[in-house]
C-alpha atoms as a PDB file:
ATOM      1  CA  MET A   1     115.017 113.441  97.263  1.00  0.00           C
ATOM      2  CA  MET A   2     113.785 109.859  97.475  1.00  0.00           C
ATOM      3  CA  ILE A   3     111.334 110.673 100.265  1.00  0.00           C
ATOM      4  CA  SER A   4     108.297 112.782  99.486  1.00  0.00           C
ATOM      5  CA  PHE A   5     105.323 113.749 101.588  1.00  0.00           C
ATOM      6  CA  ILE A   6     101.733 112.789 100.878  1.00  0.00           C
ATOM      7  CA  PRO A   7      99.220 115.465 101.890  1.00  0.00           C
ATOM      8  CA  ILE A   8      96.677 114.062 104.354  1.00  0.00           C
ATOM      9  CA  GLU A   9      93.964 116.320 105.771  1.00  0.00           C
ATOM     10  CA  GLN A  10      93.878 114.730 109.217  1.00  0.00           C
ATOM     11  CA  GLY A  11      96.473 116.704 111.187  1.00  0.00           C
ATOM     12  CA  ASN A  12      97.775 113.872 113.360  1.00  0.00           C
ATOM     13  CA  ILE A  13      98.827 111.777 110.329  1.00  0.00           C
ATOM     14  CA  ILE A  14     101.988 112.264 108.327  1.00  0.00           C
ATOM     15  CA  GLY A  15     102.102 110.701 104.859  1.00  0.00           C
ATOM     16  CA  ILE A  16     105.450 109.586 103.455  1.00  0.00           C
ATOM     17  CA  GLU A  17     106.355 108.032 100.106  1.00  0.00           C
ATOM     18  CA  ILE A  18     109.705 106.319  99.543  1.00  0.00           C
ATOM     19  CA  ASP A  19     110.997 105.636  96.039  1.00  0.00           C
ATOM     20  CA  GLY A  20     114.670 104.768  95.618  1.00  0.00           C
ATOM     21  CA  LYS A  21     117.792 104.961  97.763  1.00  0.00           C
ATOM     22  CA  ILE A  22     117.513 106.947 100.973  1.00  0.00           C
ATOM     23  CA  GLU A  23     120.455 109.208 101.776  1.00  0.00           C
ATOM     24  CA  THR A  24     121.294 110.975 105.027  1.00  0.00           C
ATOM     25  CA  SER A  25     119.970 114.257 103.592  1.00  0.00           C
ATOM     26  CA  ASP A  26     116.591 112.585 102.938  1.00  0.00           C
ATOM     27  CA  ILE A  27     116.415 111.365 106.543  1.00  0.00           C
ATOM     28  CA  GLU A  28     117.441 114.772 107.904  1.00  0.00           C
ATOM     29  CA  GLN A  29     114.753 116.555 105.877  1.00  0.00           C
ATOM     30  CA  MET A  30     112.120 114.014 106.937  1.00  0.00           C
ATOM     31  CA  ILE A  31     113.106 114.357 110.605  1.00  0.00           C
ATOM     32  CA  ALA A  32     112.834 118.167 110.435  1.00  0.00           C
ATOM     33  CA  ILE A  33     109.321 117.962 108.965  1.00  0.00           C
ATOM     34  CA  VAL A  34     108.172 115.301 111.443  1.00  0.00           C
ATOM     35  CA  GLU A  35     109.577 117.224 114.420  1.00  0.00           C
ATOM     36  CA  GLU A  36     107.728 120.341 113.257  1.00  0.00           C
ATOM     37  CA  LYS A  37     104.493 118.318 113.026  1.00  0.00           C
ATOM     38  CA  LEU A  38     105.084 116.906 116.526  1.00  0.00           C
ATOM     39  CA  LYS A  39     104.961 120.445 117.946  1.00  0.00           C
ATOM     40  CA  SER A  40     101.227 120.575 117.252  1.00  0.00           C
ATOM     41  CA  HIS A  41     100.169 116.900 117.106  1.00  0.00           C
ATOM     42  CA  LYS A  42     101.011 114.123 119.548  1.00  0.00           C
ATOM     43  CA  PRO A  43     100.827 111.256 119.187  1.00  0.00           C
ATOM     44  CA  LEU A  44     101.383 111.104 115.442  1.00  0.00           C
ATOM     45  CA  ARG A  45     100.367 108.383 113.044  1.00  0.00           C
ATOM     46  CA  ALA A  46     102.437 107.529 109.965  1.00  0.00           C
ATOM     47  CA  TYR A  47     101.174 106.391 106.567  1.00  0.00           C
ATOM     48  CA  VAL A  48     104.159 105.106 104.561  1.00  0.00           C
ATOM     49  CA  GLN A  49     104.089 104.018 100.906  1.00  0.00           C
ATOM     50  CA  VAL A  50     107.215 102.279  99.643  1.00  0.00           C
ATOM     51  CA  LYS A  51     107.327 102.185  95.831  1.00  0.00           C
ATOM     52  CA  SER A  52     110.926 101.007  95.751  1.00  0.00           C
ATOM     53  CA  LEU A  53     113.794 100.969  98.169  1.00  0.00           C
ATOM     54  CA  GLY A  54     117.276 101.105  96.712  1.00  0.00           C
ATOM     55  CA  GLY A  55     118.879 100.905 100.130  1.00  0.00           C
ATOM     56  CA  VAL A  56     119.633 103.269 102.963  1.00  0.00           C
ATOM     57  CA  SER A  57     123.010 104.803 103.674  1.00  0.00           C
ATOM     58  CA  LEU A  58     124.486 103.693 107.010  1.00  0.00           C
ATOM     59  CA  GLU A  59     124.553 107.282 108.253  1.00  0.00           C
ATOM     60  CA  GLY A  60     120.902 107.679 107.270  1.00  0.00           C
ATOM     61  CA  LEU A  61     119.980 104.475 109.056  1.00  0.00           C
ATOM     62  CA  LEU A  62     121.713 105.646 112.240  1.00  0.00           C
ATOM     63  CA  GLU A  63     119.985 109.047 112.079  1.00  0.00           C
ATOM     64  CA  ASP A  64     116.629 107.331 111.618  1.00  0.00           C
ATOM     65  CA  LEU A  65     117.281 104.986 114.538  1.00  0.00           C
ATOM     66  CA  LYS A  66     118.300 107.854 116.847  1.00  0.00           C
ATOM     67  CA  PHE A  67     115.154 109.744 115.853  1.00  0.00           C
ATOM     68  CA  ALA A  68     112.947 106.680 116.417  1.00  0.00           C
ATOM     69  CA  LEU A  69     114.350 106.063 119.891  1.00  0.00           C
ATOM     70  CA  ARG A  70     114.016 109.741 120.832  1.00  0.00           C
ATOM     71  CA  HIS A  71     110.355 109.837 119.738  1.00  0.00           C
ATOM     72  CA  LEU A  72     109.266 106.338 120.694  1.00  0.00           C
ATOM     73  CA  ASN A  73     106.220 107.569 122.629  1.00  0.00           C
ATOM     74  CA  ASP A  74     105.235 110.203 120.062  1.00  0.00           C
ATOM     75  CA  PHE A  75     103.796 107.719 117.549  1.00  0.00           C
ATOM     76  CA  GLU A  76     100.808 105.440 118.008  1.00  0.00           C
ATOM     77  CA  LYS A  77     100.194 103.821 114.602  1.00  0.00           C
ATOM     78  CA  LYS A  78     102.027 103.159 111.361  1.00  0.00           C
ATOM     79  CA  ALA A  79     100.548 101.813 108.128  1.00  0.00           C
ATOM     80  CA  VAL A  80     103.106 100.491 105.645  1.00  0.00           C
ATOM     81  CA  VAL A  81     102.022  99.975 102.016  1.00  0.00           C
ATOM     82  CA  CYS A  82     104.496  97.961  99.959  1.00  0.00           C
ATOM     83  CA  GLU A  83     105.105  94.786  97.989  1.00  0.00           C
ATOM     84  CA  LEU A  84     108.522  94.039  99.520  1.00  0.00           C
ATOM     85  CA  SER A  85     108.190  90.911 101.656  1.00  0.00           C
ATOM     86  CA  TRP A  86     111.415  91.585 103.577  1.00  0.00           C
ATOM     87  CA  LEU A  87     110.204  95.081 104.492  1.00  0.00           C
ATOM     88  CA  THR A  88     106.890  93.653 105.678  1.00  0.00           C
ATOM     89  CA  LYS A  89     108.849  91.285 107.942  1.00  0.00           C
ATOM     90  CA  ILE A  90     110.912  94.165 109.346  1.00  0.00           C
ATOM     91  CA  ALA A  91     107.778  96.249 109.974  1.00  0.00           C
ATOM     92  CA  THR A  92     106.147  93.314 111.754  1.00  0.00           C
ATOM     93  CA  LEU A  93     109.284  92.807 113.853  1.00  0.00           C
ATOM     94  CA  SER A  94     109.403  96.496 114.777  1.00  0.00           C
ATOM     95  CA  SER A  95     105.861  96.267 116.159  1.00  0.00           C
ATOM     96  CA  LYS A  96     107.095  93.510 118.482  1.00  0.00           C
ATOM     97  CA  LEU A  97     110.186  95.492 119.517  1.00  0.00           C
ATOM     98  CA  PHE A  98     108.160  98.677 120.053  1.00  0.00           C
ATOM     99  CA  PRO A  99     104.716  97.479 121.213  1.00  0.00           C
ATOM    100  CA  SER A 100     103.524 101.033 121.935  1.00  0.00           C
ATOM    101  CA  ILE A 101     103.317 101.601 118.155  1.00  0.00           C
ATOM    102  CA  GLU A 102     100.695  99.593 116.296  1.00  0.00           C
ATOM    103  CA  VAL A 103     102.092  98.641 112.875  1.00  0.00           C
ATOM    104  CA  LYS A 104     100.105  97.082 110.056  1.00  0.00           C
ATOM    105  CA  CYS A 105     101.305  96.204 106.548  1.00  0.00           C
ATOM    106  CA  PHE A 106      99.212  96.439 103.397  1.00  0.00           C
ATOM    107  CA  SER A 107      99.764  95.581  99.735  1.00  0.00           C
ATOM    108  CA  TRP A 108      99.400  98.208  96.984  1.00  0.00           C
ATOM    109  CA  SER A 109      95.925  96.896  96.192  1.00  0.00           C
ATOM    110  CA  GLU A 110      94.958  97.664  99.816  1.00  0.00           C
ATOM    111  CA  GLN A 111      95.858 101.370  99.820  1.00  0.00           C
ATOM    112  CA  GLU A 112      92.302 102.446 100.640  1.00  0.00           C
ATOM    113  CA  GLN A 113      92.122 100.019 103.574  1.00  0.00           C
ATOM    114  CA  ALA A 114      95.507 101.264 104.814  1.00  0.00           C
ATOM    115  CA  MET A 115      94.323 104.871 104.741  1.00  0.00           C
ATOM    116  CA  ALA A 116      91.041 103.980 106.476  1.00  0.00           C
ATOM    117  CA  TRP A 117      92.940 102.036 109.160  1.00  0.00           C
ATOM    118  CA  ILE A 118      95.416 104.834 109.891  1.00  0.00           C
ATOM    119  CA  LYS A 119      92.602 107.403 110.164  1.00  0.00           C
ATOM    120  CA  ASN A 120      90.587 105.391 112.710  1.00  0.00           C
END
């Protein structure tokens, strides 16, 4: 699996690490875990670390998009930690498309600031 979960004590935050190509099975497993978390915590905040991204299968992308649209009001903040400039641009664009979710991007050297921001 190219998606793993980062344990974070604060219950309303889900931590996700991406490293490699994301397949449909990765997205499906992530969705199941997030939906379980949403049963006890709304709105959720997401802390996402992207070590590398070897692409996303089209089916996985569609599953992720359907999930995002279904749970648009269930998230309030997302911190994205990565060094991929194109991903930073996409994250910034998504915050404009979905203004109810505050999105902020951080570099790897700013991991502590990203965690502090998502917790507050």
